[in-house]
Protein backbone atom coordinates (compact mmCIF):
# COMPACT_ATOMS: atom_id res chain seq x y z
CA MET A 1 -2.87 8.74 3.99
CA LYS A 2 -0.80 5.89 5.42
CA GLN A 3 0.51 6.01 8.95
CA GLN A 4 4.10 5.35 9.86
CA PRO A 5 4.38 1.99 11.66
CA SER A 6 5.77 3.71 14.80
CA GLY A 7 3.73 6.92 14.62
CA ALA A 8 0.59 8.04 16.41
CA LEU A 9 -2.59 6.19 15.48
CA ALA A 10 -5.37 8.05 13.69
CA PRO A 11 -9.08 7.51 14.53
CA ALA A 12 -9.39 5.35 11.41
CA ASP A 13 -6.60 3.09 12.72
CA TYR A 14 -8.40 2.56 16.03
CA THR A 15 -11.62 1.80 14.14
CA LEU A 16 -9.90 -0.81 11.97
CA TYR A 17 -8.13 -2.25 15.01
CA ALA A 18 -11.37 -2.61 16.99
CA THR A 19 -13.14 -4.10 13.96
CA VAL A 20 -10.59 -6.89 13.61
CA VAL A 21 -10.47 -7.65 17.34
CA ILE A 22 -14.27 -7.84 17.67
CA LEU A 23 -15.01 -9.76 14.46
CA TRP A 24 -12.16 -12.26 14.76
CA GLY A 25 -12.65 -12.64 18.49
CA ALA A 26 -16.33 -13.39 17.93
CA ALA A 27 -15.44 -15.92 15.21
CA TRP A 28 -14.43 -18.60 17.74
CA LEU A 29 -18.06 -19.49 18.53
CA PRO A 30 -19.32 -19.94 14.93
CA LEU A 31 -16.08 -21.75 14.08
CA ARG A 32 -16.83 -24.36 16.73
CA LEU A 33 -20.41 -24.68 15.44
CA GLN A 34 -19.03 -25.96 12.12
CA LEU A 35 -17.29 -28.98 13.61
CA GLY A 36 -19.06 -32.26 13.09
CA VAL A 37 -20.65 -33.37 9.83
CA VAL A 38 -18.57 -31.37 7.32
CA SER A 39 -14.77 -31.75 7.28
CA PRO A 40 -12.78 -28.66 8.38
CA GLU A 41 -11.16 -28.15 4.98
CA VAL A 42 -14.49 -28.31 3.14
CA SER A 43 -15.97 -25.79 5.60
CA ALA A 44 -12.98 -23.56 4.85
CA VAL A 45 -13.70 -23.91 1.12
CA TRP A 46 -17.29 -22.67 1.59
CA ARG A 47 -16.09 -19.86 3.85
CA PHE A 48 -13.45 -18.42 1.51
CA LEU A 49 -15.41 -19.09 -1.67
CA LEU A 50 -18.39 -17.16 -0.33
CA GLY A 51 -16.17 -14.46 1.19
CA GLY A 52 -14.26 -14.02 -2.06
CA LEU A 53 -17.46 -13.81 -4.13
CA ILE A 54 -18.81 -11.14 -1.78
CA VAL A 55 -15.67 -9.04 -2.20
CA PHE A 56 -15.74 -9.52 -5.98
CA ALA A 57 -19.40 -8.44 -6.06
CA TRP A 58 -18.53 -5.31 -4.09
CA LEU A 59 -15.63 -4.51 -6.42
CA ILE A 60 -17.89 -4.80 -9.45
CA ALA A 61 -20.57 -2.67 -7.79
CA VAL A 62 -18.14 0.16 -7.01
CA LYS A 63 -16.22 -0.30 -10.27
CA GLY A 64 -13.08 -1.42 -8.47
CA LYS A 65 -10.09 -2.94 -10.20
CA VAL A 66 -10.43 -6.65 -11.02
CA ARG A 67 -8.05 -7.09 -13.97
CA PHE A 68 -4.35 -7.51 -13.20
CA PRO A 69 -1.22 -8.66 -15.07
CA LEU A 70 0.19 -12.16 -14.60
CA GLU A 71 2.91 -11.07 -12.16
CA ASP A 72 0.25 -9.68 -9.80
CA HIS A 73 -1.65 -12.96 -9.96
CA VAL A 74 1.51 -14.70 -8.78
CA ARG A 75 1.46 -12.35 -5.79
CA PHE A 76 -2.22 -13.15 -5.19
CA MET A 77 -1.42 -16.86 -5.23
CA ILE A 78 1.29 -16.31 -2.61
CA LEU A 79 -1.20 -14.46 -0.38
CA GLY A 80 -3.81 -17.15 -1.02
CA ALA A 81 -1.39 -19.84 0.13
CA THR A 82 -0.19 -17.98 3.23
CA MET A 83 -3.27 -16.11 4.47
CA PHE A 84 -6.33 -17.91 3.14
CA SER A 85 -5.55 -21.63 2.97
CA PHE A 86 -2.62 -23.58 4.41
CA ASN A 87 -2.46 -21.53 7.61
CA PHE A 88 -6.12 -22.35 8.28
CA VAL A 89 -5.74 -26.03 7.38
CA SER A 90 -2.83 -26.34 9.79
CA ALA A 91 -4.78 -24.59 12.57
CA TYR A 92 -7.85 -26.76 12.02
CA TYR A 93 -5.81 -29.94 12.39
CA ALA A 94 -4.05 -28.56 15.46
CA GLY A 95 -7.52 -28.27 16.98
CA PHE A 96 -7.88 -32.06 16.88
CA HIS A 97 -5.02 -32.32 19.41
CA LEU A 98 -5.27 -29.12 21.51
CA ASN A 99 -8.02 -27.39 23.43
CA GLY A 100 -9.16 -23.87 22.65
CA GLY A 101 -7.01 -22.32 25.37
CA LEU A 102 -3.73 -23.56 23.96
CA LEU A 103 -4.81 -22.69 20.41
CA ALA A 104 -5.48 -19.11 21.51
CA ILE A 105 -2.14 -18.80 23.30
CA LEU A 106 -0.15 -20.21 20.39
CA PHE A 107 -1.98 -18.00 17.88
CA SER A 108 -1.32 -14.94 20.04
CA LEU A 109 2.41 -15.57 19.51
CA MET A 110 1.82 -13.77 16.20
CA ALA A 111 2.25 -10.55 18.16
CA VAL A 112 5.84 -11.55 18.95
CA VAL A 113 6.65 -13.33 15.69
CA ASN A 114 5.59 -10.47 13.39
CA PRO A 115 8.02 -7.76 14.63
CA ILE A 116 10.90 -10.23 14.92
CA TYR A 117 10.16 -11.60 11.45
CA ALA A 118 10.05 -8.09 9.98
CA ALA A 119 13.38 -7.21 11.61
CA LEU A 120 15.02 -10.38 10.26
CA LEU A 121 13.84 -9.42 6.77
CA GLY A 122 15.49 -6.02 7.13
CA ARG A 123 12.28 -4.01 7.42
CA GLY A 124 13.52 -1.70 10.13
CA GLY A 125 15.15 -2.46 13.46
CA LEU A 126 13.54 -4.60 16.12
CA ASN A 127 11.16 -2.40 18.10
CA LYS A 128 11.83 -3.49 21.68
CA ARG A 129 8.77 -1.65 22.97
CA ILE A 130 6.43 -3.60 20.70
CA VAL A 131 8.10 -6.91 21.51
CA ALA A 132 7.96 -6.20 25.26
CA GLY A 133 4.28 -5.29 25.09
CA ALA A 134 3.54 -8.39 23.01
CA VAL A 135 5.36 -10.68 25.45
CA ILE A 136 3.40 -9.20 28.38
CA GLY A 137 0.18 -9.76 26.44
CA VAL A 138 1.02 -13.38 25.61
CA ILE A 139 1.77 -14.04 29.30
CA GLY A 140 -1.64 -12.56 30.07
CA VAL A 141 -3.32 -14.90 27.60
CA ALA A 142 -1.46 -17.83 29.18
CA LEU A 143 -2.90 -16.87 32.59
CA LEU A 144 -6.37 -16.60 31.07
CA PHE A 145 -6.23 -20.16 29.83
CA GLY A 146 -4.16 -21.64 32.65
CA PRO A 147 -6.78 -24.22 33.75
CA LYS A 148 -7.14 -25.45 30.18
CA ILE A 149 -3.39 -25.83 29.83
CA VAL A 150 -3.30 -28.03 32.91
CA ALA A 151 -6.17 -30.08 31.50
CA ILE A 152 -4.08 -31.29 28.53
CA ASP A 153 -1.34 -32.77 30.73
CA GLY A 154 -0.44 -36.18 29.33
CA GLN A 155 -2.84 -35.96 26.39
CA ALA A 156 -1.69 -37.91 23.34
CA GLY A 157 -0.83 -35.84 20.27
CA THR A 158 -0.15 -32.62 22.19
CA LEU A 159 3.27 -32.11 20.59
CA THR A 160 1.78 -32.69 17.15
CA GLY A 161 -0.88 -30.07 17.83
CA VAL A 162 1.65 -27.54 19.08
CA LEU A 163 3.85 -28.02 16.01
CA LEU A 164 0.86 -27.69 13.67
CA MET A 165 -0.27 -24.47 15.36
CA LEU A 166 3.23 -23.01 15.29
CA LEU A 167 3.36 -23.86 11.58
CA SER A 168 0.05 -22.02 11.13
CA VAL A 169 1.45 -18.96 12.93
CA PHE A 170 4.61 -18.98 10.81
CA ILE A 171 2.66 -19.33 7.54
CA PHE A 172 0.24 -16.54 8.48
CA SER A 173 3.06 -14.27 9.62
CA THR A 174 4.79 -14.91 6.28
CA GLY A 175 1.56 -13.80 4.60
CA ASN A 176 1.63 -10.63 6.71
CA MET A 177 5.12 -9.82 5.41
CA PHE A 178 4.07 -10.39 1.80
CA SER A 179 0.92 -8.33 2.29
CA ALA A 180 2.91 -5.37 3.62
CA ALA A 181 5.36 -5.62 0.71
CA PHE A 182 2.60 -5.88 -1.91
CA GLN A 183 0.71 -2.92 -0.47
CA ALA A 184 3.92 -0.90 -0.67
CA ARG A 185 3.91 -1.69 -4.41
CA GLY A 186 0.45 -0.16 -4.69
CA LEU A 187 -1.77 -3.25 -4.91
CA PRO A 188 -5.32 -2.32 -3.80
CA VAL A 189 -6.37 -4.18 -0.65
CA LEU A 190 -9.88 -5.24 -1.72
CA SER A 191 -8.76 -6.49 -5.11
CA ALA A 192 -5.83 -8.38 -3.60
CA ASN A 193 -8.11 -9.95 -0.98
CA ALA A 194 -10.68 -11.04 -3.56
CA TRP A 195 -8.18 -12.80 -5.81
CA SER A 196 -6.18 -14.19 -2.88
CA MET A 197 -9.34 -15.73 -1.38
CA LEU A 198 -10.13 -17.30 -4.73
CA TYR A 199 -6.68 -18.86 -5.01
CA GLY A 200 -6.79 -19.90 -1.36
CA THR A 201 -10.12 -21.63 -2.00
CA VAL A 202 -8.58 -23.55 -4.89
CA PHE A 203 -5.63 -24.67 -2.74
CA ILE A 204 -7.88 -25.90 0.09
CA ALA A 205 -10.24 -27.61 -2.39
CA LEU A 206 -7.33 -29.50 -3.94
CA PHE A 207 -6.21 -30.57 -0.47
CA ALA A 208 -9.73 -31.76 0.35
CA LEU A 209 -9.91 -33.69 -2.93
CA ALA A 210 -6.56 -35.33 -2.22
CA LYS A 211 -7.94 -36.50 1.13
CA GLY A 212 -11.14 -37.75 -0.49
CA GLN A 213 -13.38 -35.43 1.55
CA PRO A 214 -16.97 -35.06 0.24
CA PHE A 215 -18.02 -31.52 -0.68
CA ILE A 216 -21.23 -31.36 1.32
CA VAL A 217 -23.17 -28.75 3.28
CA GLU A 218 -24.91 -29.35 6.60
CA TRP A 219 -28.26 -27.70 5.91
CA THR A 220 -29.01 -26.69 9.48
CA PRO A 221 -29.47 -23.13 10.81
CA LYS A 222 -26.45 -23.63 13.07
CA TYR A 223 -24.08 -24.51 10.25
CA VAL A 224 -25.44 -22.14 7.58
CA LEU A 225 -25.51 -19.09 9.88
CA SER A 226 -22.00 -19.83 11.15
CA ILE A 227 -20.68 -20.05 7.58
CA LEU A 228 -22.41 -16.78 6.67
CA PHE A 229 -20.95 -15.00 9.69
CA LEU A 230 -17.44 -16.26 9.01
CA ALA A 231 -17.64 -15.49 5.28
CA ILE A 232 -19.11 -12.00 5.62
CA ALA A 233 -17.88 -10.66 8.97
CA GLY A 234 -14.80 -12.78 9.63
CA THR A 235 -13.46 -12.96 6.08
CA ALA A 236 -14.79 -10.24 3.74
CA ILE A 237 -14.84 -7.46 6.38
CA GLY A 238 -12.34 -8.78 8.93
CA PHE A 239 -9.52 -9.45 6.48
CA PHE A 240 -10.06 -6.13 4.71
CA ALA A 241 -9.66 -4.33 8.04
CA TYR A 242 -6.65 -6.47 9.06
CA VAL A 243 -4.73 -6.14 5.79
CA THR A 244 -5.49 -2.41 5.59
CA LEU A 245 -4.19 -2.04 9.15
CA ILE A 246 -0.92 -3.77 8.19
CA GLY A 247 -0.35 -1.15 5.53
CA ARG A 248 -1.17 1.71 7.92
CA ILE A 249 0.51 0.82 11.24
CA GLY A 250 2.87 -2.03 10.34
CA THR A 251 2.90 -5.77 10.97
CA GLY A 252 4.23 -5.45 14.52
CA ARG A 253 1.40 -3.46 16.06
CA THR A 254 -1.24 -5.09 13.88
CA GLY A 255 -0.17 -8.51 15.14
CA TYR A 256 -1.30 -7.61 18.66
CA VAL A 257 -4.93 -8.13 17.62
CA THR A 258 -4.23 -11.86 18.04
CA VAL A 259 -3.63 -11.23 21.76
CA LEU A 260 -6.84 -9.22 22.24
CA MET A 261 -9.03 -11.66 20.28
CA PRO A 262 -9.20 -14.24 23.12
CA LEU A 263 -10.67 -11.55 25.41
CA VAL A 264 -13.65 -11.12 23.09
CA ALA A 265 -13.98 -14.89 22.84
CA LEU A 266 -14.00 -15.19 26.64
CA VAL A 267 -16.67 -12.51 27.04
CA LEU A 268 -18.89 -14.40 24.61
CA SER A 269 -18.03 -17.68 26.31
CA THR A 270 -19.13 -16.19 29.63
CA PHE A 271 -22.64 -15.60 28.29
CA PHE A 272 -23.03 -18.58 25.96
CA GLU A 273 -20.79 -21.31 27.39
CA GLY A 274 -20.73 -20.58 31.12
CA TYR A 275 -17.06 -19.58 31.37
CA VAL A 276 -16.13 -19.01 35.04
CA TRP A 277 -13.73 -16.14 35.78
CA THR A 278 -10.87 -16.63 38.27
CA ILE A 279 -8.24 -14.40 39.84
CA TYR A 280 -5.80 -15.64 37.20
CA ALA A 281 -8.23 -14.66 34.45
CA PHE A 282 -8.59 -11.11 35.80
CA LEU A 283 -4.81 -10.82 36.17
CA GLY A 284 -4.42 -12.11 32.60
CA VAL A 285 -6.84 -9.48 31.29
CA ALA A 286 -4.89 -6.77 33.12
CA LEU A 287 -1.61 -7.91 31.51
CA VAL A 288 -3.20 -8.10 28.06
CA MET A 289 -4.49 -4.54 28.37
CA ILE A 290 -1.12 -3.28 29.67
CA GLY A 291 0.62 -4.95 26.74
CA ASN A 292 -1.90 -3.42 24.35
CA ALA A 293 -1.25 0.07 25.75
CA ILE A 294 2.50 -0.40 25.31
CA VAL A 295 2.18 -1.68 21.72
CA LEU A 296 -0.18 1.06 20.55
CA SER A 297 1.39 3.95 22.44
CA THR A 298 3.48 6.56 20.66
CA PRO A 299 7.13 6.56 21.82
CA LYS A 300 8.37 9.85 23.27
CA ALA A 301 10.95 11.78 21.29
């Protein structure tokens, strides 16, 4: 049974929420392990191709729906373009100009963009509580990555990187709106994800071909294991949980996962990359958690 976007969260909602935060937050490390030999767009092709095939295999195993009319395939192509291809390409290229801290902050703006976007499209009034909680959370993320923001002062291409990341956020948020609308029409999440990943793979592959990028694989444990993690955990499982959550609690509250993701990334960075915590970092974490409590809380009657 679907939840109302502003209602109390069920245990299943919290499970889905935690799944997305943990899997996508942990994806920052393997994503960085891919950079080097293989171009970002080709790595994205392998990720979504493998992720889509995994979901298709699961659908066949459980006798899920895989045949759809042409009008539904148009919807899958829209989702493929907005959630599984161009948003990632734009983010990858933003990474050539910005450090990880700024990327995380800009991506966390999804928590603010989603509810405003939904209100502009006439999908309910603007929930001030969700927006307030999201803004507090984004400020917290900014404090977390304060030293890294200072480090980019005067760096060439910063504006280009910011614009590319904002474009990625807008494209992905657009995909969120379409996903919510398509779920309301009764499209099954797994089936929609499988076909959308396939179309997204085609779009990215065409982009890579246009750029003349070679379709190669770096046959090292580092690269192969990172692709497997991103395809299975980050894509097949993570996107199923995320899209399902959109249908259950709405785009506004679901978008807050982008604010919590950097916390998971920082915990992993502490153990694997030697991240040093500061008073600003602890204050940032406190604000992120306060914002999360506001976004997920049930308003009093």
